PDB file of all heavy atoms in Angstrom:
ATOM      1  N   ASP A   1      -9.101 -11.776  10.131  1.00  0.00           N
ATOM      2  CA  ASP A   1      -9.619 -10.487   9.652  1.00  0.00           C
ATOM      3  C   ASP A   1      -9.041 -10.158   8.279  1.00  0.00           C
ATOM      4  O   ASP A   1      -8.034 -10.723   7.843  1.00  0.00           O
ATOM      5  CB  ASP A   1      -9.302  -9.372  10.654  1.00  0.00           C
ATOM      6  CG  ASP A   1      -7.827  -9.034  10.708  1.00  0.00           C
ATOM      7  OD1 ASP A   1      -7.380  -8.230   9.877  1.00  0.00           O
ATOM      8  OD2 ASP A   1      -7.127  -9.597  11.582  1.00  0.00           O
ATOM      9  N   GLY A   2      -9.719  -9.216   7.624  1.00  0.00           N
ATOM     10  CA  GLY A   2      -9.370  -8.894   6.251  1.00  0.00           C
ATOM     11  C   GLY A   2      -7.953  -8.390   6.060  1.00  0.00           C
ATOM     12  O   GLY A   2      -7.279  -8.757   5.095  1.00  0.00           O
ATOM     13  N   LEU A   3      -7.476  -7.548   6.978  1.00  0.00           N
ATOM     14  CA  LEU A   3      -6.127  -7.008   6.822  1.00  0.00           C
ATOM     15  C   LEU A   3      -5.080  -8.098   6.981  1.00  0.00           C
ATOM     16  O   LEU A   3      -4.077  -8.116   6.261  1.00  0.00           O
ATOM     17  CB  LEU A   3      -5.885  -5.888   7.830  1.00  0.00           C
ATOM     18  CG  LEU A   3      -6.789  -4.655   7.713  1.00  0.00           C
ATOM     19  CD1 LEU A   3      -6.227  -3.499   8.535  1.00  0.00           C
ATOM     20  CD2 LEU A   3      -6.972  -4.229   6.259  1.00  0.00           C
ATOM     21  N   SER A   4      -5.303  -9.013   7.922  1.00  0.00           N
ATOM     22  CA  SER A   4      -4.381 -10.133   8.090  1.00  0.00           C
ATOM     23  C   SER A   4      -4.372 -11.006   6.838  1.00  0.00           C
ATOM     24  O   SER A   4      -3.312 -11.488   6.401  1.00  0.00           O
ATOM     25  CB  SER A   4      -4.780 -10.972   9.311  1.00  0.00           C
ATOM     26  OG  SER A   4      -4.015 -12.157   9.384  1.00  0.00           O
ATOM     27  N   LEU A   5      -5.539 -11.220   6.266  1.00  0.00           N
ATOM     28  CA  LEU A   5      -5.643 -12.007   5.035  1.00  0.00           C
ATOM     29  C   LEU A   5      -4.806 -11.369   3.924  1.00  0.00           C
ATOM     30  O   LEU A   5      -4.020 -12.042   3.249  1.00  0.00           O
ATOM     31  CB  LEU A   5      -7.112 -12.091   4.623  1.00  0.00           C
ATOM     32  CG  LEU A   5      -7.508 -12.941   3.407  1.00  0.00           C
ATOM     33  CD1 LEU A   5      -8.981 -13.304   3.485  1.00  0.00           C
ATOM     34  CD2 LEU A   5      -7.256 -12.209   2.091  1.00  0.00           C
ATOM     35  N   ILE A   6      -4.962 -10.060   3.754  1.00  0.00           N
ATOM     36  CA  ILE A   6      -4.245  -9.349   2.682  1.00  0.00           C
ATOM     37  C   ILE A   6      -2.738  -9.380   2.928  1.00  0.00           C
ATOM     38  O   ILE A   6      -1.945  -9.628   2.004  1.00  0.00           O
ATOM     39  CB  ILE A   6      -4.740  -7.893   2.578  1.00  0.00           C
ATOM     40  CG1 ILE A   6      -6.213  -7.866   2.177  1.00  0.00           C
ATOM     41  CG2 ILE A   6      -3.907  -7.109   1.567  1.00  0.00           C
ATOM     42  CD1 ILE A   6      -6.876  -6.511   2.350  1.00  0.00           C
ATOM     43  N   GLN A   7      -2.322  -9.159   4.171  1.00  0.00           N
ATOM     44  CA  GLN A   7      -0.899  -9.173   4.487  1.00  0.00           C
ATOM     45  C   GLN A   7      -0.280 -10.536   4.203  1.00  0.00           C
ATOM     46  O   GLN A   7       0.840 -10.632   3.699  1.00  0.00           O
ATOM     47  CB  GLN A   7      -0.697  -8.792   5.958  1.00  0.00           C
ATOM     48  CG  GLN A   7      -0.969  -7.323   6.237  1.00  0.00           C
ATOM     49  CD  GLN A   7      -1.021  -7.014   7.727  1.00  0.00           C
ATOM     50  OE1 GLN A   7      -1.373  -7.865   8.539  1.00  0.00           O
ATOM     51  NE2 GLN A   7      -0.680  -5.786   8.088  1.00  0.00           N
ATOM     52  N   THR A   8      -1.035 -11.596   4.493  1.00  0.00           N
ATOM     53  CA  THR A   8      -0.540 -12.946   4.220  1.00  0.00           C
ATOM     54  C   THR A   8      -0.403 -13.189   2.723  1.00  0.00           C
ATOM     55  O   THR A   8       0.593 -13.776   2.260  1.00  0.00           O
ATOM     56  CB  THR A   8      -1.489 -14.004   4.828  1.00  0.00           C
ATOM     57  OG1 THR A   8      -1.602 -13.781   6.239  1.00  0.00           O
ATOM     58  CG2 THR A   8      -0.965 -15.412   4.584  1.00  0.00           C
ATOM     59  N   LEU A   9      -1.372 -12.723   1.957  1.00  0.00           N
ATOM     60  CA  LEU A   9      -1.296 -12.866   0.502  1.00  0.00           C
ATOM     61  C   LEU A   9      -0.080 -12.137  -0.058  1.00  0.00           C
ATOM     62  O   LEU A   9       0.658 -12.679  -0.894  1.00  0.00           O
ATOM     63  CB  LEU A   9      -2.569 -12.320  -0.148  1.00  0.00           C
ATOM     64  CG  LEU A   9      -3.872 -13.069   0.120  1.00  0.00           C
ATOM     65  CD1 LEU A   9      -5.040 -12.338  -0.525  1.00  0.00           C
ATOM     66  CD2 LEU A   9      -3.796 -14.504  -0.397  1.00  0.00           C
ATOM     67  N   ARG A  10       0.138 -10.928   0.422  1.00  0.00           N
ATOM     68  CA  ARG A  10       1.271 -10.145  -0.076  1.00  0.00           C
ATOM     69  C   ARG A  10       2.596 -10.785   0.343  1.00  0.00           C
ATOM     70  O   ARG A  10       3.561 -10.800  -0.433  1.00  0.00           O
ATOM     71  CB  ARG A  10       1.192  -8.703   0.436  1.00  0.00           C
ATOM     72  CG  ARG A  10      -0.044  -7.918  -0.032  1.00  0.00           C
ATOM     73  CD  ARG A  10      -0.164  -7.870  -1.524  1.00  0.00           C
ATOM     74  NE  ARG A  10      -1.247  -6.997  -1.975  1.00  0.00           N
ATOM     75  CZ  ARG A  10      -2.174  -7.338  -2.847  1.00  0.00           C
ATOM     76  NH1 ARG A  10      -2.166  -8.549  -3.372  1.00  0.00           N
ATOM     77  NH2 ARG A  10      -3.108  -6.494  -3.218  1.00  0.00           N
ATOM     78  N   ALA A  11       2.651 -11.319   1.540  1.00  0.00           N
ATOM     79  CA  ALA A  11       3.873 -11.959   2.024  1.00  0.00           C
ATOM     80  C   ALA A  11       4.222 -13.182   1.184  1.00  0.00           C
ATOM     81  O   ALA A  11       5.397 -13.553   1.062  1.00  0.00           O
ATOM     82  CB  ALA A  11       3.726 -12.351   3.488  1.00  0.00           C
ATOM     83  N   GLN A  12       3.198 -13.812   0.615  1.00  0.00           N
ATOM     84  CA  GLN A  12       3.420 -14.989  -0.215  1.00  0.00           C
ATOM     85  C   GLN A  12       3.554 -14.646  -1.698  1.00  0.00           C
ATOM     86  O   GLN A  12       3.582 -15.525  -2.558  1.00  0.00           O
ATOM     87  CB  GLN A  12       2.298 -16.010   0.006  1.00  0.00           C
ATOM     88  CG  GLN A  12       2.262 -16.553   1.427  1.00  0.00           C
ATOM     89  CD  GLN A  12       1.416 -17.801   1.567  1.00  0.00           C
ATOM     90  OE1 GLN A  12       1.315 -18.606   0.649  1.00  0.00           O
ATOM     91  NE2 GLN A  12       0.810 -17.972   2.732  1.00  0.00           N
ATOM     92  N   GLY A  13       3.624 -13.342  -1.986  1.00  0.00           N
ATOM     93  CA  GLY A  13       3.903 -12.902  -3.349  1.00  0.00           C
ATOM     94  C   GLY A  13       2.712 -12.749  -4.253  1.00  0.00           C
ATOM     95  O   GLY A  13       2.870 -12.504  -5.456  1.00  0.00           O
ATOM     96  N   LEU A  14       1.502 -12.884  -3.716  1.00  0.00           N
ATOM     97  CA  LEU A  14       0.306 -12.730  -4.544  1.00  0.00           C
ATOM     98  C   LEU A  14      -0.020 -11.242  -4.691  1.00  0.00           C
ATOM     99  O   LEU A  14      -0.278 -10.561  -3.704  1.00  0.00           O
ATOM    100  CB  LEU A  14      -0.885 -13.464  -3.922  1.00  0.00           C
ATOM    101  CG  LEU A  14      -2.115 -13.590  -4.830  1.00  0.00           C
ATOM    102  CD1 LEU A  14      -1.864 -14.610  -5.932  1.00  0.00           C
ATOM    103  CD2 LEU A  14      -3.338 -14.007  -4.023  1.00  0.00           C
ATOM    104  N   GLN A  15      -0.016 -10.759  -5.913  1.00  0.00           N
ATOM    105  CA  GLN A  15      -0.217  -9.330  -6.163  1.00  0.00           C
ATOM    106  C   GLN A  15      -1.592  -9.008  -6.748  1.00  0.00           C
ATOM    107  O   GLN A  15      -1.803  -7.919  -7.272  1.00  0.00           O
ATOM    108  CB  GLN A  15       0.879  -8.826  -7.112  1.00  0.00           C
ATOM    109  CG  GLN A  15       2.283  -8.932  -6.548  1.00  0.00           C
ATOM    110  CD  GLN A  15       2.432  -8.208  -5.228  1.00  0.00           C
ATOM    111  OE1 GLN A  15       1.997  -7.067  -5.081  1.00  0.00           O
ATOM    112  NE2 GLN A  15       3.056  -8.863  -4.251  1.00  0.00           N
ATOM    113  N   THR A  16      -2.535  -9.934  -6.642  1.00  0.00           N
ATOM    114  CA  THR A  16      -3.887  -9.685  -7.133  1.00  0.00           C
ATOM    115  C   THR A  16      -4.467  -8.429  -6.481  1.00  0.00           C
ATOM    116  O   THR A  16      -4.381  -8.274  -5.260  1.00  0.00           O
ATOM    117  CB  THR A  16      -4.806 -10.882  -6.811  1.00  0.00           C
ATOM    118  OG1 THR A  16      -4.223 -12.075  -7.340  1.00  0.00           O
ATOM    119  CG2 THR A  16      -6.186 -10.683  -7.420  1.00  0.00           C
ATOM    120  N   PRO A  17      -5.040  -7.497  -7.254  1.00  0.00           N
ATOM    121  CA  PRO A  17      -5.615  -6.282  -6.681  1.00  0.00           C
ATOM    122  C   PRO A  17      -6.697  -6.598  -5.653  1.00  0.00           C
ATOM    123  O   PRO A  17      -7.490  -7.526  -5.852  1.00  0.00           O
ATOM    124  CB  PRO A  17      -6.201  -5.543  -7.879  1.00  0.00           C
ATOM    125  CG  PRO A  17      -5.483  -6.093  -9.055  1.00  0.00           C
ATOM    126  CD  PRO A  17      -5.158  -7.505  -8.728  1.00  0.00           C
ATOM    127  N   VAL A  18      -6.736  -5.811  -4.572  1.00  0.00           N
ATOM    128  CA  VAL A  18      -7.705  -6.024  -3.501  1.00  0.00           C
ATOM    129  C   VAL A  18      -8.480  -4.741  -3.230  1.00  0.00           C
ATOM    130  O   VAL A  18      -7.886  -3.681  -3.014  1.00  0.00           O
ATOM    131  CB  VAL A  18      -7.015  -6.478  -2.197  1.00  0.00           C
ATOM    132  CG1 VAL A  18      -8.047  -6.625  -1.078  1.00  0.00           C
ATOM    133  CG2 VAL A  18      -6.271  -7.784  -2.405  1.00  0.00           C
ATOM    134  N   LEU A  19      -9.799  -4.854  -3.256  1.00  0.00           N
ATOM    135  CA  LEU A  19     -10.688  -3.772  -2.840  1.00  0.00           C
ATOM    136  C   LEU A  19     -11.199  -4.108  -1.452  1.00  0.00           C
ATOM    137  O   LEU A  19     -11.850  -5.134  -1.252  1.00  0.00           O
ATOM    138  CB  LEU A  19     -11.861  -3.622  -3.817  1.00  0.00           C
ATOM    139  CG  LEU A  19     -12.982  -2.664  -3.399  1.00  0.00           C
ATOM    140  CD1 LEU A  19     -12.455  -1.244  -3.242  1.00  0.00           C
ATOM    141  CD2 LEU A  19     -14.129  -2.709  -4.409  1.00  0.00           C
ATOM    142  N   ILE A  20     -10.886  -3.261  -0.469  1.00  0.00           N
ATOM    143  CA  ILE A  20     -11.309  -3.489   0.906  1.00  0.00           C
ATOM    144  C   ILE A  20     -12.660  -2.833   1.140  1.00  0.00           C
ATOM    145  O   ILE A  20     -12.872  -1.676   0.769  1.00  0.00           O
ATOM    146  CB  ILE A  20     -10.280  -2.909   1.904  1.00  0.00           C
ATOM    147  CG1 ILE A  20      -8.915  -3.588   1.714  1.00  0.00           C
ATOM    148  CG2 ILE A  20     -10.758  -3.071   3.347  1.00  0.00           C
ATOM    149  CD1 ILE A  20      -7.807  -2.948   2.537  1.00  0.00           C
ATOM    150  N   LEU A  21     -13.586  -3.565   1.751  1.00  0.00           N
ATOM    151  CA  LEU A  21     -14.872  -3.021   2.169  1.00  0.00           C
ATOM    152  C   LEU A  21     -14.872  -2.907   3.683  1.00  0.00           C
ATOM    153  O   LEU A  21     -14.457  -3.826   4.383  1.00  0.00           O
ATOM    154  CB  LEU A  21     -16.016  -3.944   1.734  1.00  0.00           C
ATOM    155  CG  LEU A  21     -16.137  -4.261   0.240  1.00  0.00           C
ATOM    156  CD1 LEU A  21     -17.333  -5.181   0.015  1.00  0.00           C
ATOM    157  CD2 LEU A  21     -16.272  -2.997  -0.578  1.00  0.00           C
ATOM    158  N   SER A  22     -15.338  -1.781   4.219  1.00  0.00           N
ATOM    159  CA  SER A  22     -15.329  -1.621   5.677  1.00  0.00           C
ATOM    160  C   SER A  22     -16.280  -0.520   6.113  1.00  0.00           C
ATOM    161  O   SER A  22     -16.496   0.467   5.408  1.00  0.00           O
ATOM    162  CB  SER A  22     -13.914  -1.285   6.166  1.00  0.00           C
ATOM    163  OG  SER A  22     -13.904  -1.101   7.567  1.00  0.00           O
ATOM    164  N   ALA A  23     -16.833  -0.719   7.318  1.00  0.00           N
ATOM    165  CA  ALA A  23     -17.639   0.329   7.940  1.00  0.00           C
ATOM    166  C   ALA A  23     -16.739   1.340   8.649  1.00  0.00           C
ATOM    167  O   ALA A  23     -17.206   2.388   9.084  1.00  0.00           O
ATOM    168  CB  ALA A  23     -18.613  -0.296   8.944  1.00  0.00           C
ATOM    169  N   LEU A  24     -15.451   1.006   8.774  1.00  0.00           N
ATOM    170  CA  LEU A  24     -14.485   1.898   9.411  1.00  0.00           C
ATOM    171  C   LEU A  24     -13.939   2.853   8.360  1.00  0.00           C
ATOM    172  O   LEU A  24     -13.153   2.454   7.502  1.00  0.00           O
ATOM    173  CB  LEU A  24     -13.349   1.083  10.038  1.00  0.00           C
ATOM    174  CG  LEU A  24     -13.774   0.017  11.057  1.00  0.00           C
ATOM    175  CD1 LEU A  24     -12.577  -0.791  11.515  1.00  0.00           C
ATOM    176  CD2 LEU A  24     -14.476   0.680  12.236  1.00  0.00           C
ATOM    177  N   GLY A  25     -14.394   4.109   8.443  1.00  0.00           N
ATOM    178  CA  GLY A  25     -14.076   5.024   7.355  1.00  0.00           C
ATOM    179  C   GLY A  25     -13.192   6.190   7.698  1.00  0.00           C
ATOM    180  O   GLY A  25     -12.976   7.067   6.862  1.00  0.00           O
ATOM    181  N   ASP A  26     -12.625   6.215   8.910  1.00  0.00           N
ATOM    182  CA  ASP A  26     -11.720   7.308   9.255  1.00  0.00           C
ATOM    183  C   ASP A  26     -10.459   7.251   8.394  1.00  0.00           C
ATOM    184  O   ASP A  26     -10.088   6.189   7.877  1.00  0.00           O
ATOM    185  CB  ASP A  26     -11.320   7.234  10.731  1.00  0.00           C
ATOM    186  CG  ASP A  26     -12.495   7.520  11.663  1.00  0.00           C
ATOM    187  OD1 ASP A  26     -13.507   8.074  11.166  1.00  0.00           O
ATOM    188  OD2 ASP A  26     -12.399   7.189  12.858  1.00  0.00           O
ATOM    189  N   VAL A  27      -9.791   8.375   8.292  1.00  0.00           N
ATOM    190  CA  VAL A  27      -8.569   8.431   7.486  1.00  0.00           C
ATOM    191  C   VAL A  27      -7.555   7.402   7.967  1.00  0.00           C
ATOM    192  O   VAL A  27      -6.936   6.690   7.163  1.00  0.00           O
ATOM    193  CB  VAL A  27      -7.954   9.849   7.536  1.00  0.00           C
ATOM    194  CG1 VAL A  27      -6.584   9.854   6.868  1.00  0.00           C
ATOM    195  CG2 VAL A  27      -8.871  10.850   6.854  1.00  0.00           C
ATOM    196  N   ASP A  28      -7.392   7.287   9.284  1.00  0.00           N
ATOM    197  CA  ASP A  28      -6.417   6.334   9.824  1.00  0.00           C
ATOM    198  C   ASP A  28      -6.757   4.906   9.429  1.00  0.00           C
ATOM    199  O   ASP A  28      -5.870   4.105   9.132  1.00  0.00           O
ATOM    200  CB  ASP A  28      -6.342   6.444  11.349  1.00  0.00           C
ATOM    201  CG  ASP A  28      -5.687   7.736  11.806  1.00  0.00           C
ATOM    202  OD1 ASP A  28      -5.022   8.382  10.969  1.00  0.00           O
ATOM    203  OD2 ASP A  28      -5.844   8.092  12.987  1.00  0.00           O
ATOM    204  N   HIS A  29      -8.052   4.586   9.423  1.00  0.00           N
ATOM    205  CA  HIS A  29      -8.469   3.239   9.043  1.00  0.00           C
ATOM    206  C   HIS A  29      -8.183   2.977   7.557  1.00  0.00           C
ATOM    207  O   HIS A  29      -7.722   1.885   7.187  1.00  0.00           O
ATOM    208  CB  HIS A  29      -9.960   3.042   9.310  1.00  0.00           C
ATOM    209  CG  HIS A  29     -10.306   3.026  10.762  1.00  0.00           C
ATOM    210  ND1 HIS A  29     -11.354   3.766  11.295  1.00  0.00           N
ATOM    211  CD2 HIS A  29      -9.735   2.376  11.815  1.00  0.00           C
ATOM    212  CE1 HIS A  29     -11.416   3.548  12.591  1.00  0.00           C
ATOM    213  NE2 HIS A  29     -10.447   2.716  12.934  1.00  0.00           N
TER     214      HIS A  29
END
């Protein structure tokens, strides 16, 4: 999933900006 992908990138030091697209639009999401 997208969040796991982003977390892995950040854990490996990649700081490329990420725009997340999602149908889940609640504040918590």
